[in-house]
N, C-alpha and C. Protein backbone atom coordinates (compact mmCIF):
# COMPACT_ATOMS: atom_id res chain seq x y z
N MET A 1 -116.83 -21.85 2.60
CA MET A 1 -117.69 -21.76 1.45
C MET A 1 -117.04 -20.87 0.40
N ASP A 2 -117.17 -21.31 -0.85
CA ASP A 2 -116.66 -20.47 -1.91
C ASP A 2 -117.75 -19.53 -2.38
N GLY A 3 -117.52 -18.78 -3.44
CA GLY A 3 -118.48 -17.80 -3.92
C GLY A 3 -119.77 -18.42 -4.43
N LYS A 4 -119.85 -19.73 -4.69
CA LYS A 4 -121.03 -20.37 -5.24
C LYS A 4 -121.83 -21.09 -4.17
N GLY A 5 -121.49 -20.93 -2.90
CA GLY A 5 -122.22 -21.60 -1.84
C GLY A 5 -121.74 -23.00 -1.57
N GLN A 6 -120.66 -23.44 -2.23
CA GLN A 6 -120.11 -24.78 -2.06
C GLN A 6 -119.02 -24.73 -0.97
N PRO A 7 -118.86 -25.79 -0.16
CA PRO A 7 -117.77 -25.78 0.83
C PRO A 7 -116.41 -25.85 0.12
N SER A 8 -115.42 -25.13 0.63
CA SER A 8 -114.09 -25.06 0.03
C SER A 8 -113.14 -26.00 0.77
N ASN A 9 -112.25 -26.67 0.02
CA ASN A 9 -111.25 -27.56 0.62
C ASN A 9 -109.98 -26.81 1.03
N ASN A 10 -109.80 -25.59 0.59
CA ASN A 10 -108.60 -24.82 0.92
C ASN A 10 -108.85 -24.00 2.18
N PRO A 11 -107.88 -24.02 3.12
CA PRO A 11 -108.04 -23.21 4.32
C PRO A 11 -107.84 -21.73 3.96
N PRO A 12 -108.38 -20.84 4.76
CA PRO A 12 -108.19 -19.41 4.48
C PRO A 12 -106.73 -19.03 4.69
N PRO A 13 -106.23 -18.01 4.00
CA PRO A 13 -104.83 -17.61 4.17
C PRO A 13 -104.61 -17.06 5.58
N PRO A 14 -103.38 -17.20 6.10
CA PRO A 14 -103.11 -16.67 7.45
C PRO A 14 -103.13 -15.14 7.43
N PRO A 15 -103.38 -14.55 8.59
CA PRO A 15 -103.37 -13.09 8.66
C PRO A 15 -101.97 -12.55 8.37
N PRO A 16 -101.86 -11.29 7.95
CA PRO A 16 -100.53 -10.72 7.68
C PRO A 16 -99.65 -10.79 8.92
N GLY A 17 -98.38 -11.12 8.69
CA GLY A 17 -97.41 -11.21 9.80
C GLY A 17 -97.26 -12.62 10.35
N TYR A 18 -98.10 -13.56 9.92
CA TYR A 18 -98.00 -14.93 10.38
C TYR A 18 -97.47 -15.80 9.25
N SER A 19 -96.81 -16.89 9.61
CA SER A 19 -96.25 -17.79 8.59
C SER A 19 -97.30 -18.78 8.13
N GLN A 20 -96.96 -19.48 7.07
CA GLN A 20 -97.85 -20.50 6.53
C GLN A 20 -97.95 -21.66 7.51
N PRO A 21 -99.07 -22.35 7.59
CA PRO A 21 -99.19 -23.52 8.47
C PRO A 21 -98.33 -24.65 7.92
N PRO A 22 -97.94 -25.60 8.77
CA PRO A 22 -97.13 -26.72 8.28
C PRO A 22 -97.92 -27.53 7.27
N PRO A 23 -97.21 -28.20 6.33
CA PRO A 23 -97.92 -28.97 5.32
C PRO A 23 -98.63 -30.17 5.96
N ALA A 24 -99.71 -30.59 5.32
CA ALA A 24 -100.47 -31.74 5.80
C ALA A 24 -99.65 -33.01 5.60
N TYR A 25 -99.93 -34.03 6.39
CA TYR A 25 -99.21 -35.29 6.26
C TYR A 25 -99.40 -35.85 4.85
N GLY A 26 -98.35 -36.45 4.33
CA GLY A 26 -98.41 -37.04 3.00
C GLY A 26 -97.87 -36.09 1.94
N HIS A 27 -97.71 -34.81 2.25
CA HIS A 27 -97.14 -33.86 1.31
C HIS A 27 -95.67 -33.69 1.63
N GLN A 28 -94.83 -33.64 0.62
CA GLN A 28 -93.40 -33.43 0.84
C GLN A 28 -93.08 -31.96 0.60
N GLN A 29 -92.19 -31.46 1.42
CA GLN A 29 -91.78 -30.08 1.30
C GLN A 29 -90.28 -30.06 1.08
N GLN A 30 -89.83 -29.25 0.13
CA GLN A 30 -88.41 -29.15 -0.15
C GLN A 30 -87.82 -28.04 0.71
N THR A 31 -86.69 -28.33 1.35
CA THR A 31 -86.05 -27.36 2.22
C THR A 31 -84.70 -26.99 1.63
N THR A 32 -84.39 -25.71 1.60
CA THR A 32 -83.10 -25.23 1.14
C THR A 32 -82.34 -24.71 2.35
N VAL A 33 -81.13 -25.20 2.55
CA VAL A 33 -80.30 -24.77 3.66
C VAL A 33 -79.20 -23.88 3.11
N VAL A 34 -79.10 -22.67 3.64
CA VAL A 34 -78.07 -21.74 3.24
C VAL A 34 -77.09 -21.61 4.39
N MET A 35 -75.82 -21.92 4.12
CA MET A 35 -74.80 -21.84 5.17
C MET A 35 -73.96 -20.59 4.93
N ALA A 36 -73.86 -19.77 5.94
CA ALA A 36 -73.05 -18.57 5.84
C ALA A 36 -71.76 -18.78 6.61
N GLY A 37 -70.73 -18.10 6.21
CA GLY A 37 -69.46 -18.20 6.92
C GLY A 37 -68.34 -18.52 5.97
N HIS A 38 -67.19 -18.73 6.53
CA HIS A 38 -66.00 -18.99 5.74
C HIS A 38 -65.71 -20.48 5.76
N PRO A 39 -65.30 -21.03 4.63
CA PRO A 39 -64.94 -22.44 4.64
C PRO A 39 -63.71 -22.68 5.50
N VAL A 40 -63.69 -23.82 6.16
CA VAL A 40 -62.56 -24.17 7.01
C VAL A 40 -61.51 -24.85 6.14
N MET A 41 -60.33 -24.28 6.13
CA MET A 41 -59.25 -24.85 5.33
C MET A 41 -58.20 -25.42 6.27
N GLY A 42 -57.72 -26.59 5.96
CA GLY A 42 -56.69 -27.20 6.77
C GLY A 42 -55.32 -26.69 6.35
N HIS A 43 -54.59 -26.16 7.28
CA HIS A 43 -53.24 -25.67 7.00
C HIS A 43 -52.25 -26.62 7.63
N ILE A 44 -51.17 -26.84 6.94
CA ILE A 44 -50.09 -27.66 7.48
C ILE A 44 -49.05 -26.72 8.05
N PHE A 45 -48.90 -26.76 9.35
CA PHE A 45 -47.94 -25.90 10.02
C PHE A 45 -46.62 -26.64 10.17
N ARG A 46 -45.56 -25.99 9.78
CA ARG A 46 -44.19 -26.52 9.90
C ARG A 46 -43.31 -25.46 10.55
N GLU A 47 -42.03 -25.47 10.19
CA GLU A 47 -41.07 -24.54 10.79
C GLU A 47 -41.20 -23.13 10.25
N THR A 48 -41.71 -22.98 9.03
CA THR A 48 -41.76 -21.66 8.38
C THR A 48 -43.15 -21.05 8.52
N SER A 49 -43.23 -19.75 8.28
CA SER A 49 -44.50 -19.02 8.33
C SER A 49 -45.43 -19.50 7.23
N VAL A 50 -46.73 -19.37 7.47
CA VAL A 50 -47.75 -19.86 6.54
C VAL A 50 -48.67 -18.70 6.17
N PRO A 51 -48.90 -18.46 4.87
CA PRO A 51 -49.92 -17.46 4.50
C PRO A 51 -51.31 -18.07 4.68
N MET A 52 -52.21 -17.34 5.31
CA MET A 52 -53.55 -17.84 5.59
C MET A 52 -54.48 -16.71 5.97
N GLN A 53 -55.75 -17.03 6.18
CA GLN A 53 -56.70 -16.07 6.73
C GLN A 53 -56.88 -16.42 8.20
N CYS A 54 -56.70 -15.45 9.06
CA CYS A 54 -56.81 -15.67 10.50
C CYS A 54 -58.26 -16.04 10.84
N PRO A 55 -58.47 -17.15 11.57
CA PRO A 55 -59.84 -17.52 11.94
C PRO A 55 -60.44 -16.61 13.01
N TYR A 56 -59.64 -15.76 13.64
CA TYR A 56 -60.13 -14.90 14.70
C TYR A 56 -60.49 -13.50 14.18
N CYS A 57 -59.55 -12.85 13.46
CA CYS A 57 -59.81 -11.48 12.98
C CYS A 57 -60.13 -11.43 11.49
N ARG A 58 -60.08 -12.57 10.80
CA ARG A 58 -60.41 -12.70 9.38
C ARG A 58 -59.50 -11.89 8.45
N ALA A 59 -58.32 -11.50 8.93
CA ALA A 59 -57.36 -10.77 8.09
C ALA A 59 -56.51 -11.78 7.32
N ASN A 60 -56.09 -11.40 6.12
CA ASN A 60 -55.15 -12.22 5.35
C ASN A 60 -53.76 -11.93 5.88
N ILE A 61 -53.10 -12.96 6.41
CA ILE A 61 -51.84 -12.77 7.13
C ILE A 61 -50.81 -13.80 6.69
N THR A 62 -49.58 -13.58 7.12
CA THR A 62 -48.54 -14.60 7.12
C THR A 62 -48.18 -14.78 8.59
N THR A 63 -48.28 -16.00 9.09
CA THR A 63 -48.13 -16.24 10.52
C THR A 63 -46.75 -15.84 11.03
N SER A 64 -46.71 -15.43 12.29
CA SER A 64 -45.45 -15.20 13.00
C SER A 64 -45.12 -16.48 13.74
N THR A 65 -43.85 -16.84 13.77
CA THR A 65 -43.46 -18.07 14.45
C THR A 65 -42.62 -17.77 15.68
N SER A 66 -42.80 -18.59 16.69
CA SER A 66 -41.97 -18.55 17.89
C SER A 66 -41.76 -20.00 18.33
N TYR A 67 -40.83 -20.20 19.22
CA TYR A 67 -40.45 -21.55 19.63
C TYR A 67 -40.72 -21.75 21.12
N GLU A 68 -41.14 -22.97 21.46
CA GLU A 68 -41.31 -23.32 22.87
C GLU A 68 -40.81 -24.75 23.09
N THR A 69 -40.34 -24.99 24.30
CA THR A 69 -39.82 -26.29 24.66
C THR A 69 -40.93 -27.33 24.56
N GLY A 70 -40.62 -28.43 23.88
CA GLY A 70 -41.60 -29.49 23.70
C GLY A 70 -41.04 -30.85 24.11
N THR A 71 -41.74 -31.87 23.73
CA THR A 71 -41.39 -33.24 24.11
C THR A 71 -40.03 -33.65 23.55
N LEU A 72 -39.76 -33.29 22.29
CA LEU A 72 -38.49 -33.68 21.68
C LEU A 72 -37.31 -33.08 22.43
N THR A 73 -37.44 -31.85 22.87
CA THR A 73 -36.36 -31.19 23.63
C THR A 73 -36.04 -31.98 24.90
N TRP A 74 -37.07 -32.40 25.62
CA TRP A 74 -36.85 -33.15 26.86
C TRP A 74 -36.29 -34.55 26.59
N ILE A 75 -36.72 -35.18 25.51
CA ILE A 75 -36.20 -36.51 25.17
C ILE A 75 -34.72 -36.44 24.84
N ILE A 76 -34.32 -35.44 24.04
CA ILE A 76 -32.90 -35.29 23.70
C ILE A 76 -32.08 -35.00 24.95
N CYS A 77 -32.61 -34.18 25.84
CA CYS A 77 -31.93 -33.88 27.10
C CYS A 77 -31.74 -35.16 27.91
N GLY A 78 -32.78 -35.99 28.00
CA GLY A 78 -32.67 -37.25 28.75
C GLY A 78 -31.67 -38.21 28.13
N VAL A 79 -31.63 -38.27 26.80
CA VAL A 79 -30.67 -39.16 26.13
C VAL A 79 -29.25 -38.68 26.40
N LEU A 80 -29.02 -37.38 26.36
CA LEU A 80 -27.68 -36.85 26.64
C LEU A 80 -27.25 -37.15 28.08
N ILE A 81 -28.20 -37.09 29.00
CA ILE A 81 -27.88 -37.44 30.40
C ILE A 81 -27.51 -38.92 30.50
N LEU A 82 -28.24 -39.79 29.79
CA LEU A 82 -27.93 -41.22 29.82
C LEU A 82 -26.54 -41.54 29.27
N PHE A 83 -26.08 -40.71 28.32
CA PHE A 83 -24.75 -40.93 27.77
C PHE A 83 -23.66 -40.23 28.57
N GLY A 84 -24.00 -39.70 29.73
CA GLY A 84 -23.01 -39.12 30.63
C GLY A 84 -22.73 -37.66 30.39
N LEU A 85 -23.53 -36.98 29.60
CA LEU A 85 -23.29 -35.57 29.34
C LEU A 85 -24.18 -34.72 30.25
N TRP A 86 -24.07 -34.94 31.55
CA TRP A 86 -24.93 -34.27 32.50
C TRP A 86 -24.31 -33.00 33.05
N LEU A 87 -23.07 -32.67 32.71
CA LEU A 87 -22.41 -31.48 33.25
C LEU A 87 -22.75 -30.20 32.48
N GLY A 88 -23.90 -30.11 31.91
CA GLY A 88 -24.31 -28.90 31.20
C GLY A 88 -24.59 -29.15 29.73
N CYS A 89 -23.98 -30.18 29.17
CA CYS A 89 -24.22 -30.48 27.76
C CYS A 89 -25.66 -30.93 27.51
N CYS A 90 -26.28 -31.47 28.54
CA CYS A 90 -27.67 -31.92 28.38
C CYS A 90 -28.63 -30.75 28.20
N LEU A 91 -28.17 -29.51 28.47
CA LEU A 91 -29.01 -28.33 28.30
C LEU A 91 -28.94 -27.74 26.90
N ILE A 92 -28.07 -28.26 26.05
CA ILE A 92 -27.92 -27.73 24.69
C ILE A 92 -29.24 -27.78 23.90
N PRO A 93 -30.06 -28.84 23.97
CA PRO A 93 -31.31 -28.85 23.20
C PRO A 93 -32.25 -27.69 23.53
N PHE A 94 -32.15 -27.12 24.73
CA PHE A 94 -32.99 -25.99 25.11
C PHE A 94 -32.56 -24.69 24.43
N CYS A 95 -31.36 -24.69 23.81
CA CYS A 95 -30.84 -23.51 23.11
C CYS A 95 -30.99 -23.63 21.60
N ILE A 96 -31.39 -24.76 21.09
CA ILE A 96 -31.49 -24.99 19.65
C ILE A 96 -32.96 -24.99 19.24
N ASP A 97 -33.32 -24.06 18.34
CA ASP A 97 -34.71 -23.96 17.88
C ASP A 97 -35.15 -25.20 17.11
N GLY A 98 -34.22 -25.91 16.50
CA GLY A 98 -34.55 -27.11 15.75
C GLY A 98 -35.05 -28.25 16.62
N CYS A 99 -34.90 -28.15 17.93
CA CYS A 99 -35.39 -29.18 18.86
C CYS A 99 -36.71 -28.78 19.50
N LYS A 100 -37.18 -27.56 19.26
CA LYS A 100 -38.36 -27.05 19.95
C LYS A 100 -39.60 -27.09 19.04
N ASP A 101 -40.78 -27.01 19.64
CA ASP A 101 -42.04 -26.92 18.90
C ASP A 101 -42.19 -25.49 18.35
N VAL A 102 -42.90 -25.36 17.23
CA VAL A 102 -43.09 -24.06 16.59
C VAL A 102 -44.54 -23.60 16.81
N ILE A 103 -44.70 -22.40 17.33
CA ILE A 103 -46.02 -21.81 17.58
C ILE A 103 -46.27 -20.76 16.49
N HIS A 104 -47.42 -20.87 15.80
CA HIS A 104 -47.80 -19.92 14.76
C HIS A 104 -48.87 -18.99 15.33
N THR A 105 -48.62 -17.67 15.26
CA THR A 105 -49.57 -16.69 15.77
C THR A 105 -49.92 -15.68 14.68
N CYS A 106 -51.05 -15.05 14.84
CA CYS A 106 -51.49 -13.99 13.92
C CYS A 106 -50.78 -12.70 14.33
N PRO A 107 -50.08 -12.04 13.39
CA PRO A 107 -49.40 -10.79 13.75
C PRO A 107 -50.39 -9.64 13.97
N ASN A 108 -51.63 -9.81 13.53
CA ASN A 108 -52.63 -8.75 13.65
C ASN A 108 -53.32 -8.77 15.02
N CYS A 109 -53.78 -9.95 15.46
CA CYS A 109 -54.53 -10.04 16.73
C CYS A 109 -53.77 -10.84 17.80
N ASN A 110 -52.61 -11.37 17.48
CA ASN A 110 -51.74 -12.11 18.41
C ASN A 110 -52.37 -13.38 18.97
N GLN A 111 -53.33 -13.97 18.27
CA GLN A 111 -53.94 -15.23 18.68
C GLN A 111 -53.12 -16.38 18.09
N VAL A 112 -53.03 -17.49 18.82
CA VAL A 112 -52.35 -18.69 18.32
C VAL A 112 -53.27 -19.34 17.28
N VAL A 113 -52.76 -19.52 16.05
CA VAL A 113 -53.57 -20.11 14.98
C VAL A 113 -53.10 -21.51 14.63
N GLY A 114 -51.95 -21.94 15.15
CA GLY A 114 -51.48 -23.28 14.87
C GLY A 114 -50.21 -23.61 15.63
N LYS A 115 -49.88 -24.89 15.63
CA LYS A 115 -48.68 -25.37 16.35
C LYS A 115 -48.11 -26.54 15.61
N TYR A 116 -46.78 -26.57 15.50
CA TYR A 116 -46.08 -27.70 14.90
C TYR A 116 -45.32 -28.43 16.01
N ASN A 117 -45.80 -29.62 16.37
CA ASN A 117 -45.13 -30.43 17.38
C ASN A 117 -44.09 -31.30 16.69
N ARG A 118 -42.89 -31.26 17.17
CA ARG A 118 -41.84 -32.09 16.56
C ARG A 118 -41.99 -33.56 16.94
N MET A 119 -42.73 -33.83 17.98
CA MET A 119 -43.00 -35.23 18.36
C MET A 119 -44.46 -35.40 18.57
């Protein structure tokens, strides 16, 4: 009832500390979504260091690079064996960084942030 003795169509407000009731059917409600965080940027990892923001410690860094034996290294080794260079020459690809995969790490937190596979 309103102040004039007439029934009211509006429901009473919720008590303090409670949220508003959901809207009645047929009413549209506009929703705003706020996304927090850092945008994800795609980095192209190659043989050289890459300036970027570390996804783990959020520091602005230039990646440290190291090399590890990958698929290309083993394929070159196998080809050298097929050509008869099995007396030690087939191990040369394991000594050349240009045949290995490149691992990019954060110099601040030492987490792997990327990898460049040669194959």
